[in-house]
Structures are given as structure tokens and as C-alpha cells.
Amino acid sequence: MKIVFLNIGLTDSKNLLTLVNDYESRIIRFVNFQIEYIVPPRSFGKLKPTALKRAEGELILKKIESGSRVILLDEAGKQFSSQEFAHYLQRELMNKTIYFVTGGAYGFSDEVYSRADEKISLSNMTTTHQLIRLFFTEQLYRAFTILKNHPYHNE
């Protein structure tokens, strides 16, 4: 089993990147985990939102292994408490490879939505994709500590 956290664009803030990398190093104690960043060409900056989503979507779909499970981090997805997410993750870990995917500033293309197996939402609030990376890696780590009865999570 493997979890891939797939992101469009890089994290500009070194402070955020340090925190994301810290959680990444913690998560790999529990599961084969990797964070991948897709860096779109500069020419994508000239595209209109619909064309940009389509172009980013093509890059996302090229990265996803066939037969793997694809879960989009999307504002319209299902929301969980930390406990619920841990149990959801436990069920998902029966799959060979799981991709958790964040899209670009305008979201996902129709093709990516079609490929997705599920959508989950981390919040009803709007936030930057860079902060979502930190929030998601922390929640992923928290889920594993819940499943392993580690004292990190307090309830």
C-alpha cells in the first residue's frame, strides 16, 4: 500500500515547506508515503481558467498510475472529523495505491473529476493550496496516530 499526495505547483514559503516535510517524515513511519509536485510550464500562466484547468488536469492524469484510487481534496467533497477520517483512511488502505490530489487555483478539470473515485473536503472555508498541504499532511499524520493509539491526538 502506498499514499501519494499530488499537488499542482510548489510551496513558495520555506516555513510551510519545513512543516510539511516534518509531517511527511512522521507519516513515512506508518506507510509508504510521498509528496509529488507538478510544476506547470510558465506558459500556463497565460491560459484562461477553463483552459488552465484542462492543461493542469492532463498533467495530473499523467502522474496517476492505472488501477489506483484517486481522492480529490475538493471543497464540494465529504467532510470528516479527525476520528472519522482515520477510520475512512483505514478502509482506503486496503487499496494498492491511493492518490490524494490538490488542484490549481481554479480547481480540477472535468477529466480529473471523471477519473476521481471520491472527493473529500478539509474545510468549508477557502484557503490557499499551500496551507492545505500543511493541513492535509497534519491530518494524515493525526489519522495514523489515532489508528495506532499514539497519544498525539486528544479527545
N, C-alpha and C. Protein backbone atom coordinates (compact mmCIF):
# COMPACT_ATOMS: atom_id res chain seq x y z
N MET A 1 0.84 -1.17 0.00
CA MET A 1 0.00 0.00 0.00
C MET A 1 0.89 1.24 0.00
N LYS A 2 0.41 2.26 -0.71
CA LYS A 2 1.18 3.48 -0.85
C LYS A 2 0.21 4.65 -0.94
N ILE A 3 0.60 5.77 -0.34
CA ILE A 3 -0.17 7.01 -0.44
C ILE A 3 0.71 8.03 -1.13
N VAL A 4 0.14 8.66 -2.18
CA VAL A 4 0.82 9.74 -2.88
C VAL A 4 -0.03 10.99 -2.72
N PHE A 5 0.61 12.06 -2.28
CA PHE A 5 -0.06 13.35 -2.15
C PHE A 5 0.41 14.19 -3.33
N LEU A 6 -0.46 14.38 -4.30
CA LEU A 6 -0.12 15.00 -5.58
C LEU A 6 -0.64 16.44 -5.62
N ASN A 7 0.26 17.38 -5.92
CA ASN A 7 -0.05 18.80 -5.86
C ASN A 7 0.37 19.53 -7.13
N ILE A 8 -0.46 20.47 -7.53
CA ILE A 8 -0.09 21.38 -8.64
C ILE A 8 0.69 22.54 -8.04
N GLY A 9 1.87 22.81 -8.56
CA GLY A 9 2.69 23.93 -8.11
C GLY A 9 3.52 23.59 -6.89
N LEU A 10 4.49 24.46 -6.63
CA LEU A 10 5.39 24.28 -5.50
C LEU A 10 4.91 25.09 -4.30
N THR A 11 5.47 24.80 -3.15
CA THR A 11 5.20 25.58 -1.95
C THR A 11 6.25 26.69 -1.89
N ASP A 12 5.80 27.94 -1.98
CA ASP A 12 6.71 29.08 -2.01
C ASP A 12 7.33 29.38 -0.65
N SER A 13 6.59 29.18 0.40
CA SER A 13 7.05 29.52 1.74
C SER A 13 7.96 28.43 2.30
N LYS A 14 9.18 28.79 2.62
CA LYS A 14 10.12 27.82 3.20
C LYS A 14 9.63 27.34 4.57
N ASN A 15 8.97 28.24 5.31
CA ASN A 15 8.44 27.84 6.62
C ASN A 15 7.36 26.78 6.48
N LEU A 16 6.43 26.98 5.54
CA LEU A 16 5.39 25.97 5.31
C LEU A 16 6.01 24.66 4.82
N LEU A 17 6.95 24.76 3.91
CA LEU A 17 7.59 23.56 3.37
C LEU A 17 8.30 22.77 4.47
N THR A 18 8.93 23.47 5.39
CA THR A 18 9.60 22.80 6.51
C THR A 18 8.58 22.02 7.35
N LEU A 19 7.44 22.63 7.61
CA LEU A 19 6.41 21.95 8.39
C LEU A 19 5.81 20.76 7.64
N VAL A 20 5.54 20.94 6.34
CA VAL A 20 5.02 19.83 5.53
C VAL A 20 6.02 18.68 5.52
N ASN A 21 7.29 19.00 5.33
CA ASN A 21 8.33 17.96 5.31
C ASN A 21 8.45 17.26 6.66
N ASP A 22 8.23 18.00 7.75
CA ASP A 22 8.26 17.38 9.07
C ASP A 22 7.15 16.33 9.19
N TYR A 23 5.94 16.69 8.78
CA TYR A 23 4.84 15.71 8.83
C TYR A 23 5.08 14.55 7.86
N GLU A 24 5.66 14.83 6.72
CA GLU A 24 6.00 13.76 5.77
C GLU A 24 6.92 12.75 6.43
N SER A 25 7.94 13.22 7.14
CA SER A 25 8.89 12.30 7.80
C SER A 25 8.21 11.50 8.91
N ARG A 26 7.19 12.06 9.52
CA ARG A 26 6.45 11.33 10.54
C ARG A 26 5.53 10.27 9.91
N ILE A 27 4.88 10.63 8.81
CA ILE A 27 3.93 9.73 8.15
C ILE A 27 4.62 8.49 7.62
N ILE A 28 5.83 8.66 7.09
CA ILE A 28 6.50 7.50 6.48
C ILE A 28 6.86 6.43 7.51
N ARG A 29 6.73 6.72 8.78
CA ARG A 29 6.90 5.69 9.81
C ARG A 29 5.73 4.70 9.79
N PHE A 30 4.59 5.15 9.25
CA PHE A 30 3.38 4.34 9.26
C PHE A 30 3.06 3.70 7.91
N VAL A 31 3.44 4.37 6.81
CA VAL A 31 3.02 3.92 5.49
C VAL A 31 4.01 4.44 4.44
N ASN A 32 4.06 3.77 3.30
CA ASN A 32 4.84 4.27 2.17
C ASN A 32 4.13 5.53 1.68
N PHE A 33 4.76 6.68 1.88
CA PHE A 33 4.13 7.97 1.60
C PHE A 33 5.10 8.86 0.84
N GLN A 34 4.57 9.53 -0.16
CA GLN A 34 5.40 10.51 -0.87
C GLN A 34 4.55 11.69 -1.30
N ILE A 35 5.20 12.84 -1.34
CA ILE A 35 4.57 14.05 -1.83
C ILE A 35 5.17 14.36 -3.18
N GLU A 36 4.32 14.57 -4.17
CA GLU A 36 4.78 14.93 -5.51
C GLU A 36 4.20 16.28 -5.89
N TYR A 37 5.05 17.07 -6.53
CA TYR A 37 4.64 18.39 -7.01
C TYR A 37 4.73 18.41 -8.52
N ILE A 38 3.68 18.89 -9.15
CA ILE A 38 3.67 19.07 -10.60
C ILE A 38 3.89 20.55 -10.86
N VAL A 39 4.95 20.87 -11.56
CA VAL A 39 5.26 22.27 -11.85
C VAL A 39 4.83 22.56 -13.29
N PRO A 40 3.72 23.28 -13.45
CA PRO A 40 3.26 23.59 -14.80
C PRO A 40 4.24 24.55 -15.49
N PRO A 41 4.34 24.45 -16.81
CA PRO A 41 5.18 25.40 -17.55
C PRO A 41 4.69 26.83 -17.36
N ARG A 42 5.60 27.79 -17.47
CA ARG A 42 5.23 29.20 -17.31
C ARG A 42 4.15 29.63 -18.30
N SER A 43 4.14 29.00 -19.46
CA SER A 43 3.15 29.36 -20.48
C SER A 43 1.71 29.15 -19.99
N PHE A 44 1.52 28.30 -18.97
CA PHE A 44 0.19 28.06 -18.44
C PHE A 44 -0.39 29.33 -17.82
N GLY A 45 0.46 30.25 -17.38
CA GLY A 45 0.00 31.49 -16.76
C GLY A 45 -0.80 32.38 -17.69
N LYS A 46 -0.69 32.15 -18.99
CA LYS A 46 -1.41 32.96 -19.98
C LYS A 46 -2.78 32.36 -20.33
N LEU A 47 -3.06 31.18 -19.82
CA LEU A 47 -4.30 30.49 -20.18
C LEU A 47 -5.49 31.03 -19.38
N LYS A 48 -6.65 30.97 -20.00
CA LYS A 48 -7.89 31.31 -19.31
C LYS A 48 -8.22 30.16 -18.35
N PRO A 49 -9.02 30.44 -17.30
CA PRO A 49 -9.26 29.42 -16.27
C PRO A 49 -9.68 28.05 -16.79
N THR A 50 -10.60 27.98 -17.74
CA THR A 50 -11.05 26.67 -18.23
C THR A 50 -9.92 25.93 -18.93
N ALA A 51 -9.15 26.64 -19.76
CA ALA A 51 -8.02 26.01 -20.45
C ALA A 51 -6.93 25.63 -19.46
N LEU A 52 -6.73 26.44 -18.44
CA LEU A 52 -5.72 26.15 -17.42
C LEU A 52 -6.09 24.88 -16.66
N LYS A 53 -7.36 24.75 -16.26
CA LYS A 53 -7.80 23.53 -15.56
C LYS A 53 -7.58 22.31 -16.44
N ARG A 54 -7.89 22.42 -17.72
CA ARG A 54 -7.73 21.30 -18.64
C ARG A 54 -6.25 20.91 -18.77
N ALA A 55 -5.38 21.92 -18.92
CA ALA A 55 -3.94 21.66 -19.06
C ALA A 55 -3.36 21.06 -17.78
N GLU A 56 -3.74 21.61 -16.63
CA GLU A 56 -3.28 21.04 -15.37
C GLU A 56 -3.83 19.63 -15.18
N GLY A 57 -5.08 19.43 -15.59
CA GLY A 57 -5.69 18.11 -15.49
C GLY A 57 -4.93 17.06 -16.27
N GLU A 58 -4.46 17.42 -17.45
CA GLU A 58 -3.66 16.48 -18.25
C GLU A 58 -2.39 16.09 -17.50
N LEU A 59 -1.75 17.06 -16.86
CA LEU A 59 -0.53 16.78 -16.10
C LEU A 59 -0.83 15.88 -14.90
N ILE A 60 -1.94 16.12 -14.23
CA ILE A 60 -2.34 15.30 -13.09
C ILE A 60 -2.58 13.86 -13.54
N LEU A 61 -3.37 13.71 -14.60
CA LEU A 61 -3.73 12.36 -15.06
C LEU A 61 -2.53 11.56 -15.53
N LYS A 62 -1.52 12.22 -16.07
CA LYS A 62 -0.28 11.53 -16.48
C LYS A 62 0.47 10.95 -15.30
N LYS A 63 0.32 11.54 -14.13
CA LYS A 63 1.05 11.10 -12.93
C LYS A 63 0.39 9.93 -12.22
N ILE A 64 -0.89 9.72 -12.46
CA ILE A 64 -1.64 8.72 -11.71
C ILE A 64 -1.49 7.34 -12.35
N GLU A 65 -1.08 6.38 -11.54
CA GLU A 65 -0.93 5.00 -12.01
C GLU A 65 -2.31 4.39 -12.24
N SER A 66 -2.45 3.63 -13.31
CA SER A 66 -3.74 2.98 -13.56
C SER A 66 -4.02 1.98 -12.45
N GLY A 67 -5.28 1.82 -12.14
CA GLY A 67 -5.69 0.89 -11.10
C GLY A 67 -5.59 1.45 -9.70
N SER A 68 -5.12 2.67 -9.54
CA SER A 68 -5.01 3.25 -8.21
C SER A 68 -6.28 4.02 -7.87
N ARG A 69 -6.44 4.30 -6.62
CA ARG A 69 -7.59 5.04 -6.12
C ARG A 69 -7.24 6.52 -6.12
N VAL A 70 -8.17 7.37 -6.57
CA VAL A 70 -7.93 8.82 -6.67
C VAL A 70 -8.96 9.55 -5.82
N ILE A 71 -8.46 10.31 -4.86
CA ILE A 71 -9.32 11.07 -3.97
C ILE A 71 -8.93 12.54 -4.09
N LEU A 72 -9.88 13.34 -4.53
CA LEU A 72 -9.62 14.77 -4.71
C LEU A 72 -9.90 15.53 -3.42
N LEU A 73 -9.02 16.45 -3.09
CA LEU A 73 -9.28 17.37 -1.99
C LEU A 73 -10.03 18.54 -2.63
N ASP A 74 -11.32 18.58 -2.37
CA ASP A 74 -12.22 19.47 -3.11
C ASP A 74 -13.24 20.05 -2.14
N GLU A 75 -13.51 21.33 -2.28
CA GLU A 75 -14.43 21.99 -1.36
C GLU A 75 -15.84 21.39 -1.38
N ALA A 76 -16.20 20.69 -2.45
CA ALA A 76 -17.53 20.09 -2.54
C ALA A 76 -17.54 18.64 -2.05
N GLY A 77 -16.43 18.19 -1.49
CA GLY A 77 -16.34 16.80 -1.04
C GLY A 77 -16.94 16.58 0.35
N LYS A 78 -16.89 15.33 0.76
CA LYS A 78 -17.39 14.93 2.07
C LYS A 78 -16.44 15.41 3.16
N GLN A 79 -17.00 15.87 4.27
CA GLN A 79 -16.18 16.31 5.39
C GLN A 79 -16.18 15.27 6.50
N PHE A 80 -15.08 15.22 7.23
CA PHE A 80 -14.90 14.26 8.31
C PHE A 80 -14.38 14.96 9.56
N SER A 81 -14.64 14.37 10.70
CA SER A 81 -13.90 14.73 11.91
C SER A 81 -12.56 13.99 11.79
N SER A 82 -11.63 14.29 12.67
CA SER A 82 -10.34 13.59 12.63
C SER A 82 -10.52 12.09 12.87
N GLN A 83 -11.39 11.73 13.80
CA GLN A 83 -11.66 10.31 14.08
C GLN A 83 -12.28 9.63 12.85
N GLU A 84 -13.25 10.30 12.25
CA GLU A 84 -13.90 9.73 11.06
C GLU A 84 -12.91 9.57 9.92
N PHE A 85 -12.03 10.56 9.74
CA PHE A 85 -11.04 10.47 8.68
C PHE A 85 -10.09 9.30 8.93
N ALA A 86 -9.72 9.07 10.17
CA ALA A 86 -8.84 7.94 10.49
C ALA A 86 -9.49 6.62 10.08
N HIS A 87 -10.75 6.46 10.39
CA HIS A 87 -11.45 5.21 10.04
C HIS A 87 -11.67 5.10 8.53
N TYR A 88 -11.95 6.22 7.89
CA TYR A 88 -12.04 6.26 6.43
C TYR A 88 -10.71 5.83 5.82
N LEU A 89 -9.62 6.37 6.32
CA LEU A 89 -8.29 6.04 5.83
C LEU A 89 -7.99 4.56 6.02
N GLN A 90 -8.37 4.02 7.14
CA GLN A 90 -8.15 2.60 7.42
C GLN A 90 -8.82 1.72 6.35
N ARG A 91 -10.03 2.09 5.95
CA ARG A 91 -10.71 1.34 4.88
C ARG A 91 -10.01 1.54 3.54
N GLU A 92 -9.58 2.76 3.27
CA GLU A 92 -8.92 3.07 2.00
C GLU A 92 -7.57 2.37 1.86
N LEU A 93 -6.91 2.09 2.96
CA LEU A 93 -5.58 1.49 2.91
C LEU A 93 -5.59 0.06 2.38
N MET A 94 -6.78 -0.49 2.17
CA MET A 94 -6.87 -1.81 1.55
C MET A 94 -6.53 -1.74 0.06
N ASN A 95 -6.50 -0.54 -0.48
CA ASN A 95 -6.17 -0.33 -1.89
C ASN A 95 -4.66 -0.32 -2.08
N LYS A 96 -4.23 -0.65 -3.27
CA LYS A 96 -2.80 -0.72 -3.58
C LYS A 96 -2.13 0.65 -3.49
N THR A 97 -2.61 1.61 -4.23
CA THR A 97 -2.08 2.97 -4.20
C THR A 97 -3.23 3.95 -4.15
N ILE A 98 -3.09 4.94 -3.27
CA ILE A 98 -4.09 5.99 -3.13
C ILE A 98 -3.42 7.32 -3.45
N TYR A 99 -4.05 8.07 -4.34
CA TYR A 99 -3.61 9.43 -4.65
C TYR A 99 -4.58 10.40 -4.02
N PHE A 100 -4.08 11.27 -3.15
CA PHE A 100 -4.83 12.42 -2.68
C PHE A 100 -4.33 13.59 -3.51
N VAL A 101 -5.24 14.32 -4.15
CA VAL A 101 -4.84 15.30 -5.16
C VAL A 101 -5.40 16.68 -4.83
N THR A 102 -4.54 17.70 -4.89
CA THR A 102 -5.00 19.08 -4.84
C THR A 102 -4.85 19.66 -6.24
N GLY A 103 -5.80 20.48 -6.63
CA GLY A 103 -5.76 21.09 -7.95
C GLY A 103 -5.12 22.47 -7.90
N GLY A 104 -5.21 23.16 -9.00
CA GLY A 104 -4.69 24.51 -9.10
C GLY A 104 -5.68 25.52 -8.53
N ALA A 105 -5.41 26.78 -8.78
CA ALA A 105 -6.21 27.86 -8.22
C ALA A 105 -7.68 27.81 -8.65
N TYR A 106 -7.96 27.22 -9.82
CA TYR A 106 -9.33 27.17 -10.33
C TYR A 106 -9.96 25.80 -10.17
N GLY A 107 -9.28 24.91 -9.47
CA GLY A 107 -9.85 23.58 -9.24
C GLY A 107 -9.43 22.57 -10.28
N PHE A 108 -10.30 21.58 -10.49
CA PHE A 108 -9.99 20.45 -11.35
C PHE A 108 -10.76 20.51 -12.67
N SER A 109 -10.19 19.90 -13.67
CA SER A 109 -10.87 19.77 -14.96
C SER A 109 -11.95 18.68 -14.86
N ASP A 110 -12.86 18.68 -15.81
CA ASP A 110 -13.90 17.65 -15.86
C ASP A 110 -13.27 16.26 -15.98
N GLU A 111 -12.16 16.16 -16.70
CA GLU A 111 -11.49 14.87 -16.90
C GLU A 111 -10.95 14.33 -15.57
N VAL A 112 -10.43 15.21 -14.73
CA VAL A 112 -9.93 14.77 -13.42
C VAL A 112 -11.10 14.36 -12.54
N TYR A 113 -12.18 15.15 -12.56
CA TYR A 113 -13.36 14.76 -11.79
C TYR A 113 -13.88 13.40 -12.24
N SER A 114 -13.83 13.13 -13.53
CA SER A 114 -14.30 11.84 -14.05
C SER A 114 -13.42 10.69 -13.58
N ARG A 115 -12.13 10.94 -13.45
CA ARG A 115 -11.19 9.90 -13.02
C ARG A 115 -11.26 9.65 -11.52
N ALA A 116 -11.70 10.64 -10.77
CA ALA A 116 -11.70 10.55 -9.31
C ALA A 116 -12.67 9.49 -8.81
N ASP A 117 -12.27 8.81 -7.76
CA ASP A 117 -13.14 7.85 -7.09
C ASP A 117 -13.97 8.51 -6.01
N GLU A 118 -13.43 9.61 -5.47
CA GLU A 118 -14.11 10.28 -4.38
C GLU A 118 -13.55 11.68 -4.19
N LYS A 119 -14.34 12.51 -3.50
CA LYS A 119 -13.89 13.86 -3.14
C LYS A 119 -14.06 14.02 -1.63
N ILE A 120 -13.05 14.60 -1.00
CA ILE A 120 -13.20 14.96 0.40
C ILE A 120 -12.85 16.43 0.56
N SER A 121 -13.48 17.06 1.53
CA SER A 121 -13.27 18.48 1.82
C SER A 121 -12.60 18.61 3.17
N LEU A 122 -11.60 19.45 3.25
CA LEU A 122 -10.92 19.68 4.51
C LEU A 122 -11.54 20.83 5.30
N SER A 123 -12.33 21.67 4.62
CA SER A 123 -12.96 22.80 5.29
C SER A 123 -13.97 23.45 4.35
N ASN A 124 -14.96 24.10 4.93
CA ASN A 124 -15.87 24.91 4.14
C ASN A 124 -15.24 26.24 3.79
N MET A 125 -14.19 26.60 4.50
CA MET A 125 -13.53 27.88 4.26
C MET A 125 -12.58 27.78 3.07
N THR A 126 -12.36 28.90 2.41
CA THR A 126 -11.40 28.96 1.33
C THR A 126 -10.03 29.28 1.91
N THR A 127 -9.02 28.56 1.46
CA THR A 127 -7.65 28.82 1.89
C THR A 127 -6.70 28.56 0.73
N THR A 128 -5.46 28.88 0.90
CA THR A 128 -4.50 28.66 -0.18
C THR A 128 -4.16 27.18 -0.29
N HIS A 129 -3.73 26.80 -1.48
CA HIS A 129 -3.32 25.41 -1.69
C HIS A 129 -2.09 25.08 -0.86
N GLN A 130 -1.27 26.08 -0.60
CA GLN A 130 -0.07 25.86 0.20
C GLN A 130 -0.43 25.52 1.64
N LEU A 131 -1.41 26.22 2.20
CA LEU A 131 -1.84 25.90 3.56
C LEU A 131 -2.55 24.56 3.63
N ILE A 132 -3.29 24.24 2.59
CA ILE A 132 -3.98 22.95 2.55
C ILE A 132 -2.97 21.80 2.61
N ARG A 133 -1.81 21.98 1.99
CA ARG A 133 -0.77 20.95 2.04
C ARG A 133 -0.35 20.67 3.46
N LEU A 134 -0.17 21.73 4.24
CA LEU A 134 0.19 21.56 5.65
C LEU A 134 -0.97 20.94 6.42
N PHE A 135 -2.16 21.47 6.22
CA PHE A 135 -3.32 20.96 6.93
C PHE A 135 -3.54 19.47 6.62
N PHE A 136 -3.44 19.09 5.34
CA PHE A 136 -3.68 17.70 4.98
C PHE A 136 -2.61 16.77 5.56
N THR A 137 -1.34 17.15 5.46
CA THR A 137 -0.30 16.27 5.99
C THR A 137 -0.43 16.11 7.50
N GLU A 138 -0.82 17.19 8.18
CA GLU A 138 -1.02 17.08 9.63
C GLU A 138 -2.19 16.14 9.93
N GLN A 139 -3.28 16.27 9.20
CA GLN A 139 -4.45 15.41 9.42
C GLN A 139 -4.15 13.95 9.07
N LEU A 140 -3.34 13.74 8.04
CA LEU A 140 -2.95 12.38 7.68
C LEU A 140 -2.12 11.76 8.80
N TYR A 141 -1.17 12.54 9.32
CA TYR A 141 -0.37 12.06 10.45
C TYR A 141 -1.28 11.78 11.65
N ARG A 142 -2.17 12.71 11.93
CA ARG A 142 -3.10 12.54 13.06
C ARG A 142 -3.93 11.27 12.90
N ALA A 143 -4.39 11.00 11.68
CA ALA A 143 -5.19 9.79 11.43
C ALA A 143 -4.40 8.53 11.77
N PHE A 144 -3.14 8.49 11.36
CA PHE A 144 -2.33 7.31 11.68
C PHE A 144 -2.08 7.18 13.18
N THR A 145 -1.90 8.30 13.87
CA THR A 145 -1.70 8.21 15.33
C THR A 145 -2.97 7.73 16.02
N ILE A 146 -4.12 8.12 15.49
CA ILE A 146 -5.39 7.63 16.05
C ILE A 146 -5.48 6.12 15.86
N LEU A 147 -5.16 5.66 14.65
CA LEU A 147 -5.25 4.23 14.36
C LEU A 147 -4.26 3.40 15.17
N LYS A 148 -3.13 4.00 15.52
CA LYS A 148 -2.08 3.28 16.27
C LYS A 148 -2.14 3.57 17.77
N ASN A 149 -3.19 4.26 18.21
CA ASN A 149 -3.34 4.62 19.62
C ASN A 149 -2.15 5.39 20.17
N HIS A 150 -1.58 6.21 19.34
CA HIS A 150 -0.47 7.09 19.74
C HIS A 150 -1.06 8.29 20.46
N PRO A 151 -0.40 8.84 21.48
CA PRO A 151 -1.00 9.91 22.27
C PRO A 151 -1.05 11.30 21.59
N TYR A 152 -0.70 11.43 20.33
CA TYR A 152 -0.71 12.72 19.65
C TYR A 152 -2.11 13.36 19.63
N HIS A 153 -3.12 12.54 19.37
CA HIS A 153 -4.49 13.05 19.26
C HIS A 153 -5.17 12.98 20.62
N ASN A 154 -5.77 14.09 21.04
CA ASN A 154 -6.51 14.14 22.30
C ASN A 154 -7.98 14.30 22.01
N GLU A 155 -8.78 13.58 22.72
CA GLU A 155 -10.21 13.70 22.52
C GLU A 155 -10.93 13.77 23.83
